[in-house]
C-alpha atoms as a PDB file:
ATOM      1  CA  MET A   1      -0.094   0.038  -0.139  1.00  0.00           C
ATOM      2  CA  ALA A   2       2.953   2.290   1.017  1.00  0.00           C
ATOM      3  CA  GLU A   3       4.442   1.697  -2.477  1.00  0.00           C
ATOM      4  CA  ASP A   4       0.978   2.420  -4.508  1.00  0.00           C
ATOM      5  CA  ALA A   5       0.790   5.562  -2.451  1.00  0.00           C
ATOM      6  CA  LYS A   6       4.268   6.868  -3.030  1.00  0.00           C
ATOM      7  CA  ALA A   7       3.507   5.941  -6.844  1.00  0.00           C
ATOM      8  CA  LYS A   8       0.174   7.954  -7.159  1.00  0.00           C
ATOM      9  CA  HIS A   9       1.948  10.706  -5.051  1.00  0.00           C
ATOM     10  CA  TRP A  10       4.900  10.600  -7.827  1.00  0.00           C
ATOM     11  CA  ALA A  11       2.123  10.713 -10.674  1.00  0.00           C
ATOM     12  CA  ARG A  12       0.385  13.659  -9.138  1.00  0.00           C
ATOM     13  CA  GLU A  13       3.573  15.829  -8.956  1.00  0.00           C
ATOM     14  CA  TRP A  14       4.464  14.948 -12.387  1.00  0.00           C
ATOM     15  CA  LEU A  15       0.837  15.647 -13.761  1.00  0.00           C
ATOM     16  CA  ASP A  16       1.000  19.007 -11.600  1.00  0.00           C
ATOM     17  CA  ALA A  17       4.233  19.959 -13.041  1.00  0.00           C
ATOM     18  CA  LEU A  18       2.786  19.424 -16.606  1.00  0.00           C
ATOM     19  CA  ILE A  19       0.013  21.156 -16.051  1.00  0.00           C
ATOM     20  CA  TRP A  20       1.895  24.308 -14.629  1.00  0.00           C
ATOM     21  CA  ALA A  21       4.312  24.283 -17.712  1.00  0.00           C
ATOM     22  CA  ALA A  22       1.529  24.079 -20.187  1.00  0.00           C
ATOM     23  CA  ILE A  23       0.195  26.943 -18.684  1.00  0.00           C
ATOM     24  CA  ALA A  24       3.347  28.953 -18.466  1.00  0.00           C
ATOM     25  CA  ALA A  25       3.972  27.990 -22.333  1.00  0.00           C
ATOM     26  CA  ILE A  26       0.348  29.180 -23.210  1.00  0.00           C
ATOM     27  CA  ILE A  27       0.856  32.652 -21.364  1.00  0.00           C
ATOM     28  CA  LEU A  28       4.250  33.058 -23.010  1.00  0.00           C
ATOM     29  CA  ARG A  29       2.862  32.277 -26.383  1.00  0.00           C
ATOM     30  CA  THR A  30      -0.203  34.312 -25.994  1.00  0.00           C
ATOM     31  CA  PHE A  31       1.433  37.273 -24.584  1.00  0.00           C
ATOM     32  CA  PHE A  32       4.943  37.549 -24.705  1.00  0.00           C
ATOM     33  CA  PHE A  33       6.789  35.471 -27.798  1.00  0.00           C
ATOM     34  CA  GLY A  34       5.884  33.471 -30.792  1.00  0.00           C
ATOM     35  CA  ALA A  35       7.984  31.236 -32.955  1.00  0.00           C
ATOM     36  CA  TYR A  36       7.817  31.695 -36.895  1.00  0.00           C
ATOM     37  CA  ARG A  37       9.648  29.753 -39.660  1.00  0.00           C
ATOM     38  CA  ILE A  38      10.206  31.701 -43.135  1.00  0.00           C
ATOM     39  CA  PRO A  39       8.639  29.261 -45.751  1.00  0.00           C
ATOM     40  CA  THR A  40       9.260  31.317 -48.804  1.00  0.00           C
ATOM     41  CA  PRO A  41      11.918  33.748 -50.501  1.00  0.00           C
ATOM     42  CA  SER A  42       9.695  36.810 -50.240  1.00  0.00           C
ATOM     43  CA  MET A  43      11.956  38.500 -47.605  1.00  0.00           C
ATOM     44  CA  GLU A  44      15.409  37.439 -49.202  1.00  0.00           C
ATOM     45  CA  LYS A  45      17.936  38.217 -48.673  1.00  0.00           C
ATOM     46  CA  THR A  46      17.156  39.875 -45.359  1.00  0.00           C
ATOM     47  CA  LEU A  47      15.260  36.680 -44.040  1.00  0.00           C
ATOM     48  CA  LEU A  48      16.378  33.265 -45.825  1.00  0.00           C
ATOM     49  CA  THR A  49      13.772  30.331 -46.486  1.00  0.00           C
ATOM     50  CA  GLY A  50      14.643  27.989 -43.482  1.00  0.00           C
ATOM     51  CA  ASP A  51      15.128  30.857 -40.737  1.00  0.00           C
ATOM     52  CA  PHE A  52      13.530  30.299 -37.601  1.00  0.00           C
ATOM     53  CA  LEU A  53      12.482  33.516 -35.651  1.00  0.00           C
ATOM     54  CA  ILE A  54      11.533  34.546 -32.399  1.00  0.00           C
ATOM     55  CA  VAL A  55       8.855  37.240 -32.618  1.00  0.00           C
ATOM     56  CA  THR A  56       8.279  39.391 -29.661  1.00  0.00           C
ATOM     57  CA  LYS A  57       4.240  40.357 -29.012  1.00  0.00           C
ATOM     58  CA  LEU A  58       5.486  42.688 -26.278  1.00  0.00           C
ATOM     59  CA  ALA A  59       6.790  45.280 -28.851  1.00  0.00           C
ATOM     60  CA  TYR A  60       3.459  46.335 -30.295  1.00  0.00           C
ATOM     61  CA  GLY A  61       1.475  44.829 -27.449  1.00  0.00           C
ATOM     62  CA  PRO A  62      -0.031  41.459 -27.409  1.00  0.00           C
ATOM     63  CA  ARG A  63      -3.538  40.815 -28.329  1.00  0.00           C
ATOM     64  CA  THR A  64      -5.889  39.031 -25.725  1.00  0.00           C
ATOM     65  CA  PRO A  65      -7.453  35.852 -27.103  1.00  0.00           C
ATOM     66  CA  MET A  66      -9.782  36.514 -29.867  1.00  0.00           C
ATOM     67  CA  THR A  67     -11.335  33.075 -30.446  1.00  0.00           C
ATOM     68  CA  LEU A  68     -11.987  29.979 -28.368  1.00  0.00           C
ATOM     69  CA  SER A  69      -9.582  27.280 -29.257  1.00  0.00           C
ATOM     70  CA  VAL A  70      -7.247  24.532 -28.249  1.00  0.00           C
ATOM     71  CA  PRO A  71      -3.845  25.654 -27.168  1.00  0.00           C
ATOM     72  CA  PHE A  72      -1.278  24.782 -29.835  1.00  0.00           C
ATOM     73  CA  THR A  73      -3.230  23.864 -32.638  1.00  0.00           C
ATOM     74  CA  ASP A  74      -5.362  25.644 -35.359  1.00  0.00           C
ATOM     75  CA  ILE A  75      -8.558  24.313 -33.965  1.00  0.00           C
ATOM     76  CA  TYR A  76     -11.377  26.722 -33.010  1.00  0.00           C
ATOM     77  CA  VAL A  77     -14.708  27.103 -32.236  1.00  0.00           C
ATOM     78  CA  PRO A  78     -16.471  28.549 -35.264  1.00  0.00           C
ATOM     79  CA  GLY A  79     -18.811  31.449 -35.059  1.00  0.00           C
ATOM     80  CA  VAL A  80     -17.731  32.440 -31.379  1.00  0.00           C
ATOM     81  CA  ASN A  81     -15.888  35.881 -31.233  1.00  0.00           C
ATOM     82  CA  VAL A  82     -14.245  36.606 -27.903  1.00  0.00           C
ATOM     83  CA  PRO A  83     -14.368  40.400 -26.856  1.00  0.00           C
ATOM     84  CA  TRP A  84     -10.825  41.164 -27.008  1.00  0.00           C
ATOM     85  CA  PHE A  85      -8.151  44.148 -26.607  1.00  0.00           C
ATOM     86  CA  ARG A  86      -4.609  44.965 -27.165  1.00  0.00           C
ATOM     87  CA  ILE A  87      -2.337  45.305 -24.042  1.00  0.00           C
ATOM     88  CA  PRO A  88      -0.020  48.439 -24.644  1.00  0.00           C
ATOM     89  CA  GLY A  89       3.376  47.565 -26.151  1.00  0.00           C
ATOM     90  CA  TYR A  90       6.493  49.562 -25.798  1.00  0.00           C
ATOM     91  CA  SER A  91       6.616  50.588 -29.118  1.00  0.00           C
ATOM     92  CA  GLU A  92       4.652  51.902 -32.220  1.00  0.00           C
ATOM     93  CA  ILE A  93       5.182  50.153 -35.468  1.00  0.00           C
ATOM     94  CA  LYS A  94       8.009  52.119 -37.069  1.00  0.00           C
ATOM     95  CA  ARG A  95       8.571  52.538 -40.825  1.00  0.00           C
ATOM     96  CA  ASP A  96      10.692  49.668 -42.033  1.00  0.00           C
ATOM     97  CA  ASP A  97       9.896  47.629 -38.902  1.00  0.00           C
ATOM     98  CA  ILE A  98       9.848  43.708 -40.172  1.00  0.00           C
ATOM     99  CA  VAL A  99       6.253  42.668 -38.917  1.00  0.00           C
ATOM    100  CA  VAL A 100       4.554  39.616 -38.465  1.00  0.00           C
ATOM    101  CA  PHE A 101       0.652  39.755 -39.017  1.00  0.00           C
ATOM    102  CA  ASN A 102      -2.383  37.765 -40.043  1.00  0.00           C
ATOM    103  CA  TYR A 103      -2.894  37.450 -44.064  1.00  0.00           C
ATOM    104  CA  PRO A 104      -5.759  40.112 -44.024  1.00  0.00           C
ATOM    105  CA  ILE A 105      -7.874  38.620 -46.857  1.00  0.00           C
ATOM    106  CA  ASP A 106      -8.058  35.000 -45.311  1.00  0.00           C
ATOM    107  CA  VAL A 107     -11.504  33.982 -44.732  1.00  0.00           C
ATOM    108  CA  ALA A 108     -11.492  33.345 -41.047  1.00  0.00           C
ATOM    109  CA  PRO A 109     -11.306  34.769 -37.631  1.00  0.00           C
ATOM    110  CA  VAL A 110      -8.598  37.446 -37.492  1.00  0.00           C
ATOM    111  CA  SER A 111      -6.283  35.417 -34.841  1.00  0.00           C
ATOM    112  CA  VAL A 112      -6.381  32.244 -37.096  1.00  0.00           C
ATOM    113  CA  LYS A 113      -5.612  33.563 -40.120  1.00  0.00           C
ATOM    114  CA  THR A 114      -2.294  32.491 -41.807  1.00  0.00           C
ATOM    115  CA  ASN A 115       0.841  34.297 -40.645  1.00  0.00           C
ATOM    116  CA  TYR A 116       2.570  36.503 -42.918  1.00  0.00           C
ATOM    117  CA  ILE A 117       5.876  38.367 -42.447  1.00  0.00           C
ATOM    118  CA  LYS A 118       6.861  41.630 -44.542  1.00  0.00           C
ATOM    119  CA  ARG A 119       8.343  44.902 -43.840  1.00  0.00           C
ATOM    120  CA  ALA A 120       6.138  47.817 -42.850  1.00  0.00           C
ATOM    121  CA  VAL A 121       7.138  50.248 -45.534  1.00  0.00           C
ATOM    122  CA  GLY A 122       4.064  52.552 -45.034  1.00  0.00           C
ATOM    123  CA  ILE A 123       2.998  53.550 -41.756  1.00  0.00           C
ATOM    124  CA  PRO A 124      -0.532  55.379 -41.323  1.00  0.00           C
ATOM    125  CA  GLY A 125      -0.726  58.729 -43.149  1.00  0.00           C
ATOM    126  CA  ASP A 126       2.157  57.942 -45.555  1.00  0.00           C
ATOM    127  CA  ARG A 127       1.977  58.702 -48.935  1.00  0.00           C
ATOM    128  CA  VAL A 128       3.098  55.905 -51.035  1.00  0.00           C
ATOM    129  CA  GLU A 129       4.233  55.663 -54.705  1.00  0.00           C
ATOM    130  CA  ILE A 130       6.294  53.181 -56.858  1.00  0.00           C
ATOM    131  CA  SER A 131       7.528  54.390 -60.176  1.00  0.00           C
ATOM    132  CA  ASN A 132      10.162  51.932 -62.110  1.00  0.00           C
ATOM    133  CA  LYS A 133      10.244  49.745 -59.287  1.00  0.00           C
ATOM    134  CA  LEU A 134      11.440  52.415 -56.730  1.00  0.00           C
ATOM    135  CA  LEU A 135       9.581  52.875 -53.722  1.00  0.00           C
ATOM    136  CA  TYR A 136       8.642  56.413 -52.626  1.00  0.00           C
ATOM    137  CA  ILE A 137       7.377  57.397 -49.213  1.00  0.00           C
ATOM    138  CA  ASN A 138       6.230  61.012 -48.678  1.00  0.00           C
ATOM    139  CA  GLY A 139       8.006  61.963 -51.882  1.00  0.00           C
ATOM    140  CA  GLU A 140      11.266  60.757 -50.933  1.00  0.00           C
ATOM    141  CA  LEU A 141      13.158  57.510 -52.114  1.00  0.00           C
ATOM    142  CA  SER A 142      12.595  54.971 -49.515  1.00  0.00           C
ATOM    143  CA  GLU A 143      15.590  53.291 -47.796  1.00  0.00           C
ATOM    144  CA  GLN A 144      17.572  51.188 -50.201  1.00  0.00           C
ATOM    145  CA  PHE A 145      18.635  48.099 -47.994  1.00  0.00           C
ATOM    146  CA  GLU A 146      21.599  46.071 -48.960  1.00  0.00           C
ATOM    147  CA  THR A 147      19.597  43.007 -48.710  1.00  0.00           C
ATOM    148  CA  LEU A 148      16.589  44.054 -51.171  1.00  0.00           C
ATOM    149  CA  MET A 149      16.322  41.864 -54.376  1.00  0.00           C
ATOM    150  CA  TYR A 150      14.960  42.576 -57.885  1.00  0.00           C
ATOM    151  CA  ASN A 151      15.027  40.694 -60.950  1.00  0.00           C
ATOM    152  CA  TYR A 152      17.365  42.106 -63.467  1.00  0.00           C
ATOM    153  CA  ARG A 153      18.011  41.602 -67.311  1.00  0.00           C
ATOM    154  CA  VAL A 154      21.262  40.544 -68.107  1.00  0.00           C
ATOM    155  CA  THR A 155      22.828  40.404 -71.660  1.00  0.00           C
ATOM    156  CA  ALA A 156      26.004  38.373 -72.601  1.00  0.00           C
ATOM    157  CA  ARG A 157      28.417  39.271 -75.230  1.00  0.00           C
ATOM    158  CA  ASP A 158      28.217  37.302 -78.309  1.00  0.00           C
ATOM    159  CA  ARG A 159      25.690  35.014 -76.695  1.00  0.00           C
ATOM    160  CA  VAL A 160      28.158  33.800 -74.382  1.00  0.00           C
ATOM    161  CA  ARG A 161      26.591  31.200 -72.057  1.00  0.00           C
ATOM    162  CA  LEU A 162      26.745  32.404 -68.432  1.00  0.00           C
ATOM    163  CA  SER A 163      27.362  29.906 -65.502  1.00  0.00           C
ATOM    164  CA  SER A 164      24.175  29.139 -63.609  1.00  0.00           C
ATOM    165  CA  ALA A 165      26.400  27.672 -60.814  1.00  0.00           C
ATOM    166  CA  ARG A 166      28.541  30.755 -60.538  1.00  0.00           C
ATOM    167  CA  ILE A 167      25.623  33.089 -60.393  1.00  0.00           C
ATOM    168  CA  ARG A 168      24.139  30.886 -57.680  1.00  0.00           C
ATOM    169  CA  GLU A 169      27.163  30.979 -55.571  1.00  0.00           C
ATOM    170  CA  MET A 170      27.282  34.814 -55.722  1.00  0.00           C
ATOM    171  CA  GLY A 171      23.443  34.776 -54.619  1.00  0.00           C
ATOM    172  CA  GLY A 172      21.643  35.143 -57.689  1.00  0.00           C
ATOM    173  CA  SER A 173      19.230  32.761 -59.154  1.00  0.00           C
ATOM    174  CA  VAL A 174      18.607  32.584 -62.962  1.00  0.00           C
ATOM    175  CA  LEU A 175      14.752  32.685 -63.684  1.00  0.00           C
ATOM    176  CA  GLN A 176      14.882  32.498 -67.505  1.00  0.00           C
ATOM    177  CA  SER A 177      17.422  32.210 -70.091  1.00  0.00           C
ATOM    178  CA  GLY A 178      17.872  32.047 -73.762  1.00  0.00           C
ATOM    179  CA  ASN A 179      19.886  33.651 -76.546  1.00  0.00           C
ATOM    180  CA  GLY A 180      22.538  35.268 -74.461  1.00  0.00           C
ATOM    181  CA  GLY A 181      19.906  36.915 -72.246  1.00  0.00           C
ATOM    182  CA  TYR A 182      19.007  36.230 -68.842  1.00  0.00           C
ATOM    183  CA  ILE A 183      16.405  37.221 -65.949  1.00  0.00           C
ATOM    184  CA  ILE A 184      18.244  36.963 -62.654  1.00  0.00           C
ATOM    185  CA  ASN A 185      16.851  37.904 -59.214  1.00  0.00           C
ATOM    186  CA  MET A 186      19.608  39.363 -56.973  1.00  0.00           C
ATOM    187  CA  THR A 187      20.681  42.239 -55.147  1.00  0.00           C
ATOM    188  CA  PRO A 188      22.117  45.389 -56.638  1.00  0.00           C
ATOM    189  CA  SER A 189      25.527  44.519 -55.085  1.00  0.00           C
ATOM    190  CA  VAL A 190      25.653  41.045 -56.880  1.00  0.00           C
ATOM    191  CA  ALA A 191      24.142  42.652 -59.973  1.00  0.00           C
ATOM    192  CA  GLY A 192      26.958  45.210 -59.880  1.00  0.00           C
ATOM    193  CA  ASP A 193      29.690  42.335 -59.491  1.00  0.00           C
ATOM    194  CA  ILE A 194      28.144  40.479 -62.379  1.00  0.00           C
ATOM    195  CA  ALA A 195      28.167  43.465 -64.605  1.00  0.00           C
ATOM    196  CA  ALA A 196      32.029  43.857 -64.238  1.00  0.00           C
ATOM    197  CA  TRP A 197      32.246  40.266 -65.812  1.00  0.00           C
ATOM    198  CA  PRO A 198      34.095  40.431 -69.143  1.00  0.00           C
ATOM    199  CA  GLU A 199      31.577  38.082 -70.970  1.00  0.00           C
ATOM    200  CA  VAL A 200      28.711  40.480 -69.606  1.00  0.00           C
ATOM    201  CA  GLU A 201      27.593  43.172 -71.893  1.00  0.00           C
ATOM    202  CA  GLN A 202      24.754  44.958 -69.694  1.00  0.00           C
ATOM    203  CA  VAL A 203      22.664  44.407 -66.471  1.00  0.00           C
ATOM    204  CA  GLU A 204      19.702  46.542 -65.904  1.00  0.00           C
ATOM    205  CA  LYS A 205      16.450  46.276 -63.786  1.00  0.00           C
ATOM    206  CA  TYR A 206      13.844  44.143 -65.338  1.00  0.00           C
ATOM    207  CA  ILE A 207      11.141  46.952 -65.337  1.00  0.00           C
ATOM    208  CA  LEU A 208       7.503  45.875 -66.567  1.00  0.00           C
ATOM    209  CA  PRO A 209       5.950  48.639 -69.104  1.00  0.00           C
ATOM    210  CA  GLU A 210       3.244  50.748 -67.299  1.00  0.00           C
ATOM    211  CA  GLU A 211       0.701  49.323 -69.531  1.00  0.00           C
ATOM    212  CA  PHE A 212       1.433  45.551 -68.915  1.00  0.00           C
ATOM    213  CA  ASP A 213      -1.387  44.531 -66.759  1.00  0.00           C
ATOM    214  CA  ILE A 214      -0.819  41.581 -64.511  1.00  0.00           C
ATOM    215  CA  PHE A 215      -2.897  42.991 -61.369  1.00  0.00           C
ATOM    216  CA  ASN A 216      -6.262  42.549 -62.779  1.00  0.00           C
ATOM    217  CA  ARG A 217      -5.825  38.861 -63.494  1.00  0.00           C
ATOM    218  CA  ARG A 218      -5.182  38.086 -59.932  1.00  0.00           C
ATOM    219  CA  GLY A 219      -8.668  39.092 -58.848  1.00  0.00           C
ATOM    220  CA  PHE A 220      -7.599  41.164 -55.799  1.00  0.00           C
ATOM    221  CA  ASN A 221      -9.890  44.329 -55.281  1.00  0.00           C
ATOM    222  CA  PHE A 222      -7.155  46.564 -54.184  1.00  0.00           C
ATOM    223  CA  SER A 223      -4.792  46.161 -57.455  1.00  0.00           C
ATOM    224  CA  ARG A 224      -7.866  46.498 -59.675  1.00  0.00           C
ATOM    225  CA  GLY A 225      -6.753  50.004 -60.153  1.00  0.00           C
ATOM    226  CA  PHE A 226      -3.253  49.557 -61.185  1.00  0.00           C
ATOM    227  CA  ASN A 227      -1.765  47.459 -63.594  1.00  0.00           C
ATOM    228  CA  ASN A 228       1.308  46.043 -62.049  1.00  0.00           C
ATOM    229  CA  HIS A 229       3.570  46.234 -58.884  1.00  0.00           C
ATOM    230  CA  ASP A 230       6.332  48.201 -60.758  1.00  0.00           C
ATOM    231  CA  HIS A 231       4.492  51.180 -61.329  1.00  0.00           C
ATOM    232  CA  MET A 232       1.448  52.536 -58.596  1.00  0.00           C
ATOM    233  CA  ARG A 233       0.616  56.163 -58.509  1.00  0.00           C
ATOM    234  CA  GLU A 234       0.505  57.690 -55.307  1.00  0.00           C
ATOM    235  CA  PHE A 235      -1.981  56.964 -52.667  1.00  0.00           C
ATOM    236  CA  THR A 236      -2.305  57.422 -48.939  1.00  0.00           C
ATOM    237  CA  VAL A 237      -2.120  54.619 -46.401  1.00  0.00           C
ATOM    238  CA  PRO A 238      -5.216  54.863 -44.572  1.00  0.00           C
ATOM    239  CA  TYR A 239      -5.462  55.949 -40.853  1.00  0.00           C
ATOM    240  CA  SER A 240      -7.984  56.086 -38.118  1.00  0.00           C
ATOM    241  CA  GLY A 241     -10.047  59.410 -38.254  1.00  0.00           C
ATOM    242  CA  GLN A 242      -9.239  60.042 -42.047  1.00  0.00           C
ATOM    243  CA  GLN A 243     -12.284  61.480 -43.897  1.00  0.00           C
ATOM    244  CA  ILE A 244     -12.376  60.211 -47.755  1.00  0.00           C
ATOM    245  CA  GLU A 245     -14.758  60.819 -50.604  1.00  0.00           C
ATOM    246  CA  LEU A 246     -15.500  57.765 -52.261  1.00  0.00           C
ATOM    247  CA  SER A 247     -15.783  57.356 -56.035  1.00  0.00           C
ATOM    248  CA  SER A 248     -15.581  54.793 -58.921  1.00  0.00           C
ATOM    249  CA  ASP A 249     -11.776  55.905 -59.314  1.00  0.00           C
ATOM    250  CA  ASN A 250     -10.714  54.999 -55.651  1.00  0.00           C
ATOM    251  CA  TRP A 251     -13.118  52.264 -54.692  1.00  0.00           C
ATOM    252  CA  HIS A 252     -10.534  49.759 -55.294  1.00  0.00           C
ATOM    253  CA  ILE A 253      -8.321  51.416 -52.826  1.00  0.00           C
ATOM    254  CA  TYR A 254     -10.936  51.206 -49.927  1.00  0.00           C
ATOM    255  CA  GLN A 255     -13.440  48.454 -50.732  1.00  0.00           C
ATOM    256  CA  ASP A 256     -11.675  45.798 -48.372  1.00  0.00           C
ATOM    257  CA  ILE A 257     -11.393  48.425 -45.506  1.00  0.00           C
ATOM    258  CA  ILE A 258     -14.990  49.388 -45.715  1.00  0.00           C
ATOM    259  CA  GLU A 259     -16.428  46.258 -46.289  1.00  0.00           C
ATOM    260  CA  ARG A 260     -14.233  43.432 -44.893  1.00  0.00           C
ATOM    261  CA  TYR A 261     -12.187  44.829 -42.172  1.00  0.00           C
ATOM    262  CA  GLU A 262     -14.797  47.492 -40.835  1.00  0.00           C
ATOM    263  CA  ARG A 263     -17.982  45.527 -41.608  1.00  0.00           C
ATOM    264  CA  ASN A 264     -20.033  47.721 -43.392  1.00  0.00           C
ATOM    265  CA  THR A 265     -22.700  46.841 -46.043  1.00  0.00           C
ATOM    266  CA  VAL A 266     -22.240  48.626 -49.305  1.00  0.00           C
ATOM    267  CA  ARG A 267     -24.372  48.970 -52.227  1.00  0.00           C
ATOM    268  CA  ARG A 268     -22.877  50.885 -55.256  1.00  0.00           C
ATOM    269  CA  ASP A 269     -23.933  52.191 -58.504  1.00  0.00           C
ATOM    270  CA  GLY A 270     -21.109  53.928 -60.421  1.00  0.00           C
ATOM    271  CA  ASP A 271     -20.435  56.970 -58.127  1.00  0.00           C
ATOM    272  CA  THR A 272     -23.280  56.503 -55.911  1.00  0.00           C
ATOM    273  CA  PHE A 273     -22.954  54.510 -52.639  1.00  0.00           C
ATOM    274  CA  VAL A 274     -25.375  53.516 -49.945  1.00  0.00           C
ATOM    275  CA  ILE A 275     -23.485  52.389 -46.759  1.00  0.00           C
ATOM    276  CA  ASN A 276     -25.419  50.798 -44.055  1.00  0.00           C
ATOM    277  CA  GLY A 277     -28.516  51.884 -45.946  1.00  0.00           C
ATOM    278  CA  GLU A 278     -27.597  55.669 -46.210  1.00  0.00           C
ATOM    279  CA  GLU A 279     -26.729  57.402 -49.453  1.00  0.00           C
ATOM    280  CA  THR A 280     -23.405  58.862 -48.917  1.00  0.00           C
ATOM    281  CA  ASN A 281     -19.984  59.481 -50.598  1.00  0.00           C
ATOM    282  CA  ARG A 282     -18.250  60.209 -47.589  1.00  0.00           C
ATOM    283  CA  TYR A 283     -16.519  57.734 -44.886  1.00  0.00           C
ATOM    284  CA  THR A 284     -14.494  57.921 -42.053  1.00  0.00           C
ATOM    285  CA  ILE A 285     -11.930  55.432 -41.536  1.00  0.00           C
ATOM    286  CA  GLN A 286     -12.189  53.495 -38.228  1.00  0.00           C
ATOM    287  CA  LYS A 287      -8.773  51.740 -37.835  1.00  0.00           C
ATOM    288  CA  ASP A 288      -4.986  52.407 -38.481  1.00  0.00           C
ATOM    289  CA  TYR A 289      -3.445  50.485 -41.451  1.00  0.00           C
ATOM    290  CA  TYR A 290      -0.118  49.468 -42.888  1.00  0.00           C
ATOM    291  CA  PHE A 291       1.336  49.075 -46.269  1.00  0.00           C
ATOM    292  CA  MET A 292       3.600  46.023 -46.412  1.00  0.00           C
ATOM    293  CA  MET A 293       6.552  44.951 -48.892  1.00  0.00           C
ATOM    294  CA  GLY A 294       8.792  41.650 -48.940  1.00  0.00           C
ATOM    295  CA  ASP A 295      12.322  42.573 -49.407  1.00  0.00           C
ATOM    296  CA  ASN A 296      12.321  40.523 -52.638  1.00  0.00           C
ATOM    297  CA  ARG A 297      10.586  42.971 -54.311  1.00  0.00           C
ATOM    298  CA  ASP A 298       9.795  40.472 -57.535  1.00  0.00           C
ATOM    299  CA  ASP A 299       8.979  37.485 -55.624  1.00  0.00           C
ATOM    300  CA  SER A 300       6.751  38.709 -53.010  1.00  0.00           C
ATOM    301  CA  GLU A 301       2.873  38.693 -52.689  1.00  0.00           C
ATOM    302  CA  ASP A 302       2.330  41.719 -50.802  1.00  0.00           C
ATOM    303  CA  SER A 303       0.346  44.876 -49.970  1.00  0.00           C
ATOM    304  CA  ARG A 304       0.795  45.870 -53.814  1.00  0.00           C
ATOM    305  CA  PHE A 305      -1.337  42.812 -54.535  1.00  0.00           C
ATOM    306  CA  TRP A 306      -4.087  42.620 -51.969  1.00  0.00           C
ATOM    307  CA  GLY A 307      -3.829  45.813 -49.985  1.00  0.00           C
ATOM    308  CA  PHE A 308      -3.330  47.249 -46.405  1.00  0.00           C
ATOM    309  CA  VAL A 309      -3.034  45.465 -43.102  1.00  0.00           C
ATOM    310  CA  PRO A 310      -5.468  46.399 -40.306  1.00  0.00           C
ATOM    311  CA  ASP A 311      -3.883  47.200 -37.116  1.00  0.00           C
ATOM    312  CA  ASP A 312      -5.707  44.604 -35.275  1.00  0.00           C
ATOM    313  CA  HIS A 313      -4.079  41.821 -37.655  1.00  0.00           C
ATOM    314  CA  VAL A 314      -0.704  42.874 -36.244  1.00  0.00           C
ATOM    315  CA  ILE A 315       0.873  40.058 -33.953  1.00  0.00           C
ATOM    316  CA  GLY A 316       4.484  41.165 -33.167  1.00  0.00           C
ATOM    317  CA  LYS A 317       7.806  42.201 -34.177  1.00  0.00           C
ATOM    318  CA  ALA A 318      10.608  40.074 -35.937  1.00  0.00           C
ATOM    319  CA  GLY A 319      13.298  40.018 -33.253  1.00  0.00           C
ATOM    320  CA  MET A 320      15.793  37.251 -33.623  1.00  0.00           C
ATOM    321  CA  ILE A 321      16.836  34.304 -35.724  1.00  0.00           C
ATOM    322  CA  TYR A 322      17.246  31.305 -33.280  1.00  0.00           C
ATOM    323  CA  PHE A 323      18.075  28.748 -35.942  1.00  0.00           C
ATOM    324  CA  SER A 324      18.553  28.595 -39.845  1.00  0.00           C
ATOM    325  CA  TRP A 325      18.153  25.555 -42.056  1.00  0.00           C
ATOM    326  CA  ASP A 326      19.520  25.363 -45.607  1.00  0.00           C
ATOM    327  CA  GLY A 327      17.105  22.936 -47.342  1.00  0.00           C
ATOM    328  CA  GLU A 328      19.283  22.786 -50.322  1.00  0.00           C
ATOM    329  CA  ARG A 329      22.421  21.676 -48.572  1.00  0.00           C
ATOM    330  CA  PHE A 330      20.783  19.985 -45.741  1.00  0.00           C
ATOM    331  CA  LEU A 331      22.884  21.638 -43.197  1.00  0.00           C
ATOM    332  CA  PRO A 332      22.137  24.307 -40.428  1.00  0.00           C
ATOM    333  CA  ARG A 333      23.333  27.998 -41.220  1.00  0.00           C
ATOM    334  CA  VAL A 334      25.345  28.256 -38.241  1.00  0.00           C
ATOM    335  CA  GLY A 335      26.227  32.007 -38.825  1.00  0.00           C
ATOM    336  CA  ARG A 336      22.700  33.186 -39.038  1.00  0.00           C
ATOM    337  CA  MET A 337      21.820  31.598 -35.407  1.00  0.00           C
ATOM    338  CA  PHE A 338      21.103  34.179 -32.859  1.00  0.00           C
ATOM    339  CA  ASN A 339      21.242  37.172 -35.098  1.00  0.00           C
ATOM    340  CA  LEU A 340      19.265  40.341 -34.236  1.00  0.00           C
ATOM    341  CA  ILE A 341      16.699  41.128 -37.098  1.00  0.00           C
ATOM    342  CA  HIS A 342      16.977  44.868 -38.247  1.00  0.00           C
END
């Protein structure tokens, strides 16, 4: 009997320890930190496919639970929305912060939408413009980080064949080749190095013509008023309290905001709008929004395609790479471990 009692006591202690460990893990994951893996090259070369990140939720303020869900899973109770609020953080989102957020146009409760990571190139009230691939914020050229990647057109002399392996070793990726011409995804620094090769005649950014239409084939509301991501006329990132005048020309910018994120019912006939049963062309924005872009500017489906990120979709700030796995070489990238993210 004594042995049975001792075994029960031991089992109870372990069960108590596991319960408290689970509670601590839930609290840490909900209010302090999260883990995130980079699944695609959209943030290269700043973040690489296979990087594992620590995301700090304290920076912008953690959200209290928004759904009834099973901890550590994607299982939640459909149709049940929990009243929530954001606990104040120690920082506001600054321009060019690298932010983890819920993918806005997913059809699901906010907190269970897919996690995305991009750079917040435009904050509420910023004027954004893209001209010949270059991003302008409030009329000035945005910061050109060394890790930004673009597609370049490379022409070889006398149709000499360039070495794809050599280009890959330098950090570039050949997307197309033929007749001495190449489309290569790379940083400006790598482009400069390749331009110095004796067998290379010319290196220039691969810029789509303004009239070339790729957006309207994708079905996103926001991009319907533009043709492609290399040229976007100036618009303002919406902010709470902003008063806008709606028209058929700008409806593509505000449609998801008004109908999807701020939950209004809208009927539209040309330039006539009926919002929640009232005919009006005026609307006051209720939330702050952000314009997000990937650092691999030609291999990132981001705000240029699907529009703005509402402030309630923000999860946290990318803080540190704690592990990195090179899937091509099947080796860890030791030099990237425990690097802070800027």
